[in-house]
Amino acid sequence: MKRIMFLFDWDGTLIQNALFKINEILKKIDLPEADPEVIRVNWGKPFYELILIILTSIGAPDALEAFMKEKKKYKLNFQINVDIMMTLWKLKNMGHCLSLVTNRTRESLFYLFHVIGFDYSVFHIVETSDCGYKKPDGRIFLRSIDFAKANQCTSLVYFGDTVDYDWRAVQDFNDNLAAGIIMDFVGVISDTSNANEFEKSGAHNFIHGIHNLPQKLNEIAGTAPDYPKHNVLQYASVI
């Protein structure tokens, strides 16, 4: 069997992100709503940088402390699709490798895992505070590639929901670091991206929403789903 290394972004790819909640927090601290397009095109930046850009766009750059204070008590609903998790575990049990590659810090990522009860043992995890790189720097994939080679994986495919961070990181890796093993890319259309943006950037392989992820994974692995579709589960959490 040909072993595949499946790599994934986190926010907007494996879970629904919290983009639309930012304006609700702004409202709580008596600030006007930000343009959703400003939020969308900057999604993927470090969180503090993202919020400062948003606050500046509405003329309130000094409100960062007030925003972060409100954010600490603000509950959000992150969504995890049961079919996705079942498919990931099936692929792992078949001998494929799974790697989570995120710009979140370890503290942020593992806090979220803890709060929502997410079983992260299915993944080899690479996060920015551990490896020292951030997407779109393709070097963020190097530890995952070492893991893939150690487990005799012969092909790589990365799933991500942004052009400027996920797709650009894959391009950087393939152009400068691939050393004979090219990484394929599958875009995930979410709150932060659209098909037109992926097409214009040269990323022509994408799916419309995380609910289509199990079908795409089975297609790549050459397997068929062997379970009924489930409802999405929601877990209370914070950004």
C-alpha atoms as a PDB file:
ATOM      1  CA  MET A   1       0.000   0.000   0.000  1.00  0.00           C
ATOM      2  CA  LYS A   2       1.227   3.474  -0.856  1.00  0.00           C
ATOM      3  CA  ARG A   3       1.437   5.502   2.313  1.00  0.00           C
ATOM      4  CA  ILE A   4       0.271   9.106   2.159  1.00  0.00           C
ATOM      5  CA  MET A   5       1.115  11.965   4.501  1.00  0.00           C
ATOM      6  CA  PHE A   6      -2.024  14.054   4.963  1.00  0.00           C
ATOM      7  CA  LEU A   7      -1.272  17.500   6.422  1.00  0.00           C
ATOM      8  CA  PHE A   8      -3.901  19.896   7.748  1.00  0.00           C
ATOM      9  CA  ASP A   9      -4.320  23.462   8.874  1.00  0.00           C
ATOM     10  CA  TRP A  10      -6.518  23.773  11.982  1.00  0.00           C
ATOM     11  CA  ASP A  11      -8.844  26.814  11.993  1.00  0.00           C
ATOM     12  CA  GLY A  12     -11.255  26.794   9.056  1.00  0.00           C
ATOM     13  CA  THR A  13      -9.988  23.422   7.829  1.00  0.00           C
ATOM     14  CA  LEU A  14     -10.715  20.887  10.575  1.00  0.00           C
ATOM     15  CA  ILE A  15     -12.947  23.134  12.688  1.00  0.00           C
ATOM     16  CA  GLN A  16     -15.178  26.053  11.788  1.00  0.00           C
ATOM     17  CA  ASN A  17     -13.363  29.245  12.682  1.00  0.00           C
ATOM     18  CA  ALA A  18     -14.719  32.072  14.815  1.00  0.00           C
ATOM     19  CA  LEU A  19     -14.416  34.872  12.260  1.00  0.00           C
ATOM     20  CA  PHE A  20     -18.013  36.018  12.507  1.00  0.00           C
ATOM     21  CA  LYS A  21     -17.806  36.332  16.320  1.00  0.00           C
ATOM     22  CA  ILE A  22     -15.294  39.185  16.285  1.00  0.00           C
ATOM     23  CA  ASN A  23     -17.939  41.795  15.505  1.00  0.00           C
ATOM     24  CA  GLU A  24     -20.012  40.519  18.421  1.00  0.00           C
ATOM     25  CA  ILE A  25     -17.106  41.194  20.772  1.00  0.00           C
ATOM     26  CA  LEU A  26     -16.660  44.676  19.280  1.00  0.00           C
ATOM     27  CA  LYS A  27     -20.314  45.364  19.981  1.00  0.00           C
ATOM     28  CA  LYS A  28     -19.853  44.264  23.611  1.00  0.00           C
ATOM     29  CA  ILE A  29     -17.243  46.991  24.133  1.00  0.00           C
ATOM     30  CA  ASP A  30     -19.335  49.640  22.365  1.00  0.00           C
ATOM     31  CA  LEU A  31     -17.386  49.743  19.126  1.00  0.00           C
ATOM     32  CA  PRO A  32     -18.783  49.682  15.584  1.00  0.00           C
ATOM     33  CA  GLU A  33     -18.664  46.530  13.504  1.00  0.00           C
ATOM     34  CA  ALA A  34     -15.655  45.960  11.297  1.00  0.00           C
ATOM     35  CA  ASP A  35     -16.009  45.319   7.596  1.00  0.00           C
ATOM     36  CA  PRO A  36     -16.209  41.500   7.265  1.00  0.00           C
ATOM     37  CA  GLU A  37     -13.861  41.743   4.294  1.00  0.00           C
ATOM     38  CA  VAL A  38     -11.167  43.326   6.500  1.00  0.00           C
ATOM     39  CA  ILE A  39     -11.517  40.389   8.879  1.00  0.00           C
ATOM     40  CA  ARG A  40     -11.566  37.793   6.125  1.00  0.00           C
ATOM     41  CA  VAL A  41      -8.528  38.935   4.154  1.00  0.00           C
ATOM     42  CA  ASN A  42      -6.399  39.192   7.297  1.00  0.00           C
ATOM     43  CA  TRP A  43      -7.498  35.896   8.828  1.00  0.00           C
ATOM     44  CA  GLY A  44      -4.464  33.702   9.430  1.00  0.00           C
ATOM     45  CA  LYS A  45      -2.293  36.466  10.844  1.00  0.00           C
ATOM     46  CA  PRO A  46      -1.221  36.147  14.507  1.00  0.00           C
ATOM     47  CA  PHE A  47      -4.288  36.918  16.612  1.00  0.00           C
ATOM     48  CA  TYR A  48      -2.999  40.114  18.240  1.00  0.00           C
ATOM     49  CA  GLU A  49      -1.918  41.445  14.843  1.00  0.00           C
ATOM     50  CA  LEU A  50      -5.309  40.573  13.343  1.00  0.00           C
ATOM     51  CA  ILE A  51      -7.240  42.362  16.094  1.00  0.00           C
ATOM     52  CA  LEU A  52      -5.015  45.455  15.897  1.00  0.00           C
ATOM     53  CA  ILE A  53      -5.640  45.652  12.141  1.00  0.00           C
ATOM     54  CA  ILE A  54      -9.383  45.369  12.747  1.00  0.00           C
ATOM     55  CA  LEU A  55      -9.388  47.973  15.511  1.00  0.00           C
ATOM     56  CA  THR A  56      -7.343  50.360  13.380  1.00  0.00           C
ATOM     57  CA  SER A  57      -9.778  49.914  10.501  1.00  0.00           C
ATOM     58  CA  ILE A  58     -12.634  51.185  12.703  1.00  0.00           C
ATOM     59  CA  GLY A  59     -10.581  54.001  14.199  1.00  0.00           C
ATOM     60  CA  ALA A  60     -10.015  52.398  17.614  1.00  0.00           C
ATOM     61  CA  PRO A  61      -6.389  51.149  17.747  1.00  0.00           C
ATOM     62  CA  ASP A  62      -6.191  51.890  21.473  1.00  0.00           C
ATOM     63  CA  ALA A  63      -8.989  49.445  22.304  1.00  0.00           C
ATOM     64  CA  LEU A  64      -6.819  46.326  22.107  1.00  0.00           C
ATOM     65  CA  GLU A  65      -6.707  45.837  25.894  1.00  0.00           C
ATOM     66  CA  ALA A  66     -10.482  46.203  26.205  1.00  0.00           C
ATOM     67  CA  PHE A  67     -11.040  43.742  23.353  1.00  0.00           C
ATOM     68  CA  MET A  68      -8.736  41.110  24.832  1.00  0.00           C
ATOM     69  CA  LYS A  69     -10.335  41.474  28.254  1.00  0.00           C
ATOM     70  CA  GLU A  70     -13.787  40.874  26.780  1.00  0.00           C
ATOM     71  CA  LYS A  71     -12.520  38.005  24.657  1.00  0.00           C
ATOM     72  CA  LYS A  72     -11.406  36.068  27.757  1.00  0.00           C
ATOM     73  CA  LYS A  73     -14.996  35.644  28.922  1.00  0.00           C
ATOM     74  CA  TYR A  74     -16.628  35.299  25.536  1.00  0.00           C
ATOM     75  CA  LYS A  75     -17.908  31.824  24.709  1.00  0.00           C
ATOM     76  CA  LEU A  76     -17.878  30.543  21.156  1.00  0.00           C
ATOM     77  CA  ASN A  77     -19.105  27.403  19.454  1.00  0.00           C
ATOM     78  CA  PHE A  78     -16.345  25.600  17.614  1.00  0.00           C
ATOM     79  CA  GLN A  79     -17.647  22.776  15.462  1.00  0.00           C
ATOM     80  CA  ILE A  80     -16.050  19.394  14.908  1.00  0.00           C
ATOM     81  CA  ASN A  81     -17.543  17.077  12.330  1.00  0.00           C
ATOM     82  CA  VAL A  82     -17.830  13.475  13.513  1.00  0.00           C
ATOM     83  CA  ASP A  83     -17.396  12.117   9.978  1.00  0.00           C
ATOM     84  CA  ILE A  84     -14.078  13.953   9.663  1.00  0.00           C
ATOM     85  CA  MET A  85     -12.736  12.407  12.863  1.00  0.00           C
ATOM     86  CA  MET A  86     -13.904   8.933  11.880  1.00  0.00           C
ATOM     87  CA  THR A  87     -12.226   9.295   8.487  1.00  0.00           C
ATOM     88  CA  LEU A  88      -8.975  10.538  10.016  1.00  0.00           C
ATOM     89  CA  TRP A  89      -8.798   7.588  12.399  1.00  0.00           C
ATOM     90  CA  LYS A  90      -9.591   5.169   9.578  1.00  0.00           C
ATOM     91  CA  LEU A  91      -6.722   6.549   7.483  1.00  0.00           C
ATOM     92  CA  LYS A  92      -4.323   6.427  10.438  1.00  0.00           C
ATOM     93  CA  ASN A  93      -5.283   2.828  11.199  1.00  0.00           C
ATOM     94  CA  MET A  94      -4.648   1.970   7.538  1.00  0.00           C
ATOM     95  CA  GLY A  95      -1.060   3.161   7.917  1.00  0.00           C
ATOM     96  CA  HIS A  96      -1.273   6.659   6.496  1.00  0.00           C
ATOM     97  CA  CYS A  97       0.295   9.579   8.385  1.00  0.00           C
ATOM     98  CA  LEU A  98      -1.572  12.646   9.614  1.00  0.00           C
ATOM     99  CA  SER A  99       0.055  15.930  10.578  1.00  0.00           C
ATOM    100  CA  LEU A 100      -1.527  19.091  11.994  1.00  0.00           C
ATOM    101  CA  VAL A 101       0.435  22.202  10.952  1.00  0.00           C
ATOM    102  CA  THR A 102      -0.752  25.470  12.466  1.00  0.00           C
ATOM    103  CA  ASN A 103       0.347  29.044  13.114  1.00  0.00           C
ATOM    104  CA  ARG A 104      -1.226  28.824  16.563  1.00  0.00           C
ATOM    105  CA  THR A 105       1.154  28.639  19.501  1.00  0.00           C
ATOM    106  CA  ARG A 106       1.351  25.455  21.582  1.00  0.00           C
ATOM    107  CA  GLU A 107      -0.355  27.199  24.495  1.00  0.00           C
ATOM    108  CA  SER A 108      -3.283  28.350  22.340  1.00  0.00           C
ATOM    109  CA  LEU A 109      -3.634  25.061  20.489  1.00  0.00           C
ATOM    110  CA  PHE A 110      -3.501  22.725  23.479  1.00  0.00           C
ATOM    111  CA  TYR A 111      -5.754  24.959  25.529  1.00  0.00           C
ATOM    112  CA  LEU A 112      -8.342  24.655  22.780  1.00  0.00           C
ATOM    113  CA  PHE A 113      -7.851  20.882  22.610  1.00  0.00           C
ATOM    114  CA  HIS A 114      -8.458  20.691  26.355  1.00  0.00           C
ATOM    115  CA  VAL A 115     -11.540  22.907  26.377  1.00  0.00           C
ATOM    116  CA  ILE A 116     -13.333  21.131  23.530  1.00  0.00           C
ATOM    117  CA  GLY A 117     -12.167  17.636  24.438  1.00  0.00           C
ATOM    118  CA  PHE A 118     -10.433  17.077  21.098  1.00  0.00           C
ATOM    119  CA  ASP A 119      -8.471  13.820  20.737  1.00  0.00           C
ATOM    120  CA  TYR A 120      -5.307  15.119  19.117  1.00  0.00           C
ATOM    121  CA  SER A 121      -3.442  11.799  19.376  1.00  0.00           C
ATOM    122  CA  VAL A 122      -4.442  11.091  15.767  1.00  0.00           C
ATOM    123  CA  PHE A 123      -1.937  13.757  14.631  1.00  0.00           C
ATOM    124  CA  HIS A 124       1.749  14.460  14.456  1.00  0.00           C
ATOM    125  CA  ILE A 125       1.586  18.124  15.541  1.00  0.00           C
ATOM    126  CA  VAL A 126       3.675  21.062  14.357  1.00  0.00           C
ATOM    127  CA  GLU A 127       2.937  24.493  15.827  1.00  0.00           C
ATOM    128  CA  THR A 128       4.789  27.750  15.446  1.00  0.00           C
ATOM    129  CA  SER A 129       6.241  28.118  18.946  1.00  0.00           C
ATOM    130  CA  ASP A 130       7.779  24.649  18.656  1.00  0.00           C
ATOM    131  CA  CYS A 131       9.288  24.750  15.172  1.00  0.00           C
ATOM    132  CA  GLY A 132      10.172  28.454  14.973  1.00  0.00           C
ATOM    133  CA  TYR A 133       8.466  29.098  11.631  1.00  0.00           C
ATOM    134  CA  LYS A 134       5.101  30.439  10.529  1.00  0.00           C
ATOM    135  CA  LYS A 135       3.164  29.976   7.341  1.00  0.00           C
ATOM    136  CA  PRO A 136       3.664  31.132   4.595  1.00  0.00           C
ATOM    137  CA  ASP A 137       7.252  30.027   5.323  1.00  0.00           C
ATOM    138  CA  GLY A 138       7.481  26.544   3.835  1.00  0.00           C
ATOM    139  CA  ARG A 139      10.017  25.515   6.480  1.00  0.00           C
ATOM    140  CA  ILE A 140       7.097  24.998   8.852  1.00  0.00           C
ATOM    141  CA  PHE A 141       6.557  21.649   7.059  1.00  0.00           C
ATOM    142  CA  LEU A 142      10.070  20.263   7.585  1.00  0.00           C
ATOM    143  CA  ARG A 143       9.318  18.333  10.794  1.00  0.00           C
ATOM    144  CA  SER A 144       6.246  16.788   9.177  1.00  0.00           C
ATOM    145  CA  ILE A 145       8.347  15.756   6.183  1.00  0.00           C
ATOM    146  CA  ASP A 146      10.896  14.072   8.448  1.00  0.00           C
ATOM    147  CA  PHE A 147       8.017  12.218  10.107  1.00  0.00           C
ATOM    148  CA  ALA A 148       6.637  11.235   6.682  1.00  0.00           C
ATOM    149  CA  LYS A 149       9.998   9.897   5.499  1.00  0.00           C
ATOM    150  CA  ALA A 150      10.524   7.949   8.725  1.00  0.00           C
ATOM    151  CA  ASN A 151       7.166   6.268   8.097  1.00  0.00           C
ATOM    152  CA  GLN A 152       7.826   5.544   4.400  1.00  0.00           C
ATOM    153  CA  CYS A 153       5.181   7.969   3.091  1.00  0.00           C
ATOM    154  CA  THR A 154       5.689   8.543  -0.620  1.00  0.00           C
ATOM    155  CA  SER A 155       3.242  11.381  -1.270  1.00  0.00           C
ATOM    156  CA  LEU A 156       2.157  14.549   0.518  1.00  0.00           C
ATOM    157  CA  VAL A 157      -1.121  16.461   0.439  1.00  0.00           C
ATOM    158  CA  TYR A 158      -1.922  19.544   2.502  1.00  0.00           C
ATOM    159  CA  PHE A 159      -5.387  20.930   3.272  1.00  0.00           C
ATOM    160  CA  GLY A 160      -5.751  24.629   4.139  1.00  0.00           C
ATOM    161  CA  ASP A 161      -8.319  27.406   3.903  1.00  0.00           C
ATOM    162  CA  THR A 162      -6.228  30.493   3.076  1.00  0.00           C
ATOM    163  CA  VAL A 163      -4.344  31.594  -0.012  1.00  0.00           C
ATOM    164  CA  ASP A 164      -1.869  33.944   1.676  1.00  0.00           C
ATOM    165  CA  TYR A 165      -0.775  31.501   4.373  1.00  0.00           C
ATOM    166  CA  ASP A 166      -1.625  27.897   3.461  1.00  0.00           C
ATOM    167  CA  TRP A 167      -1.291  27.886  -0.325  1.00  0.00           C
ATOM    168  CA  ARG A 168       1.725  30.229  -0.250  1.00  0.00           C
ATOM    169  CA  ALA A 169       3.454  27.965   2.302  1.00  0.00           C
ATOM    170  CA  VAL A 170       2.985  24.960  -0.001  1.00  0.00           C
ATOM    171  CA  GLN A 171       4.348  26.965  -2.934  1.00  0.00           C
ATOM    172  CA  ASP A 172       7.370  28.041  -0.876  1.00  0.00           C
ATOM    173  CA  PHE A 173       8.019  24.450   0.175  1.00  0.00           C
ATOM    174  CA  ASN A 174       7.721  23.099  -3.361  1.00  0.00           C
ATOM    175  CA  ASP A 175       9.876  25.873  -4.864  1.00  0.00           C
ATOM    176  CA  ASN A 176      12.676  25.843  -2.301  1.00  0.00           C
ATOM    177  CA  LEU A 177      12.614  22.792  -0.037  1.00  0.00           C
ATOM    178  CA  ALA A 178      10.892  19.841  -1.664  1.00  0.00           C
ATOM    179  CA  ALA A 179      14.067  17.899  -2.558  1.00  0.00           C
ATOM    180  CA  GLY A 180      12.262  15.460  -4.821  1.00  0.00           C
ATOM    181  CA  ILE A 181       8.956  15.129  -2.945  1.00  0.00           C
ATOM    182  CA  ILE A 182       6.281  17.584  -4.074  1.00  0.00           C
ATOM    183  CA  MET A 183       3.396  18.549  -1.801  1.00  0.00           C
ATOM    184  CA  ASP A 184      -0.089  18.663  -3.322  1.00  0.00           C
ATOM    185  CA  PHE A 185      -2.584  21.234  -2.076  1.00  0.00           C
ATOM    186  CA  VAL A 186      -6.337  21.085  -1.494  1.00  0.00           C
ATOM    187  CA  GLY A 187      -8.032  24.369  -0.646  1.00  0.00           C
ATOM    188  CA  VAL A 188     -10.949  24.362   1.782  1.00  0.00           C
ATOM    189  CA  ILE A 189     -13.494  27.079   1.018  1.00  0.00           C
ATOM    190  CA  SER A 190     -14.468  28.708   4.320  1.00  0.00           C
ATOM    191  CA  ASP A 191     -15.302  32.093   5.838  1.00  0.00           C
ATOM    192  CA  THR A 192     -11.762  33.191   4.971  1.00  0.00           C
ATOM    193  CA  SER A 193     -11.554  32.182   1.314  1.00  0.00           C
ATOM    194  CA  ASN A 194     -13.502  31.711  -1.886  1.00  0.00           C
ATOM    195  CA  ALA A 195     -13.085  29.707  -5.057  1.00  0.00           C
ATOM    196  CA  ASN A 196     -12.195  32.745  -7.156  1.00  0.00           C
ATOM    197  CA  GLU A 197      -9.228  33.600  -4.909  1.00  0.00           C
ATOM    198  CA  PHE A 198      -7.870  30.071  -5.086  1.00  0.00           C
ATOM    199  CA  GLU A 199      -8.312  29.948  -8.866  1.00  0.00           C
ATOM    200  CA  LYS A 200      -6.572  33.290  -9.406  1.00  0.00           C
ATOM    201  CA  SER A 201      -3.628  32.190  -7.254  1.00  0.00           C
ATOM    202  CA  GLY A 202      -3.179  28.973  -9.232  1.00  0.00           C
ATOM    203  CA  ALA A 203      -4.721  26.619  -6.664  1.00  0.00           C
ATOM    204  CA  HIS A 204      -7.281  24.755  -8.752  1.00  0.00           C
ATOM    205  CA  ASN A 205      -7.994  21.828  -6.426  1.00  0.00           C
ATOM    206  CA  PHE A 206     -10.407  22.761  -3.631  1.00  0.00           C
ATOM    207  CA  ILE A 207     -13.513  21.657  -1.769  1.00  0.00           C
ATOM    208  CA  HIS A 208     -16.494  23.735  -0.693  1.00  0.00           C
ATOM    209  CA  GLY A 209     -16.583  23.563   3.096  1.00  0.00           C
ATOM    210  CA  ILE A 210     -15.153  21.248   5.740  1.00  0.00           C
ATOM    211  CA  HIS A 211     -18.202  18.969   5.490  1.00  0.00           C
ATOM    212  CA  ASN A 212     -16.776  17.751   2.148  1.00  0.00           C
ATOM    213  CA  LEU A 213     -13.435  16.809   3.705  1.00  0.00           C
ATOM    214  CA  PRO A 214     -14.264  13.122   4.380  1.00  0.00           C
ATOM    215  CA  GLN A 215     -15.251  12.566   0.740  1.00  0.00           C
ATOM    216  CA  LYS A 216     -12.034  14.170  -0.520  1.00  0.00           C
ATOM    217  CA  LEU A 217      -9.862  12.202   1.902  1.00  0.00           C
ATOM    218  CA  ASN A 218     -11.469   8.938   0.840  1.00  0.00           C
ATOM    219  CA  GLU A 219     -11.036   9.898  -2.800  1.00  0.00           C
ATOM    220  CA  ILE A 220      -7.308  10.545  -2.365  1.00  0.00           C
ATOM    221  CA  ALA A 221      -6.758   7.393  -0.297  1.00  0.00           C
ATOM    222  CA  GLY A 222      -8.825   5.269  -2.674  1.00  0.00           C
ATOM    223  CA  THR A 223     -11.240   4.226   0.052  1.00  0.00           C
ATOM    224  CA  ALA A 224     -14.984   4.516   0.449  1.00  0.00           C
ATOM    225  CA  PRO A 225     -16.927   5.836   3.437  1.00  0.00           C
ATOM    226  CA  ASP A 226     -18.326   2.951   5.472  1.00  0.00           C
ATOM    227  CA  TYR A 227     -20.536   4.856   7.888  1.00  0.00           C
ATOM    228  CA  PRO A 228     -23.626   7.059   7.796  1.00  0.00           C
ATOM    229  CA  LYS A 229     -23.291  10.824   7.885  1.00  0.00           C
ATOM    230  CA  HIS A 230     -23.505  12.342  11.349  1.00  0.00           C
ATOM    231  CA  ASN A 231     -24.529  15.726  12.628  1.00  0.00           C
ATOM    232  CA  VAL A 232     -21.851  18.239  13.517  1.00  0.00           C
ATOM    233  CA  LEU A 233     -21.037  18.358  17.216  1.00  0.00           C
ATOM    234  CA  GLN A 234     -20.615  21.740  18.904  1.00  0.00           C
ATOM    235  CA  TYR A 235     -18.339  22.460  21.842  1.00  0.00           C
ATOM    236  CA  ALA A 236     -18.329  25.655  23.934  1.00  0.00           C
ATOM    237  CA  SER A 237     -14.957  27.341  23.794  1.00  0.00           C
ATOM    238  CA  VAL A 238     -13.102  30.650  23.471  1.00  0.00           C
ATOM    239  CA  ILE A 239     -11.105  32.107  20.584  1.00  0.00           C
END
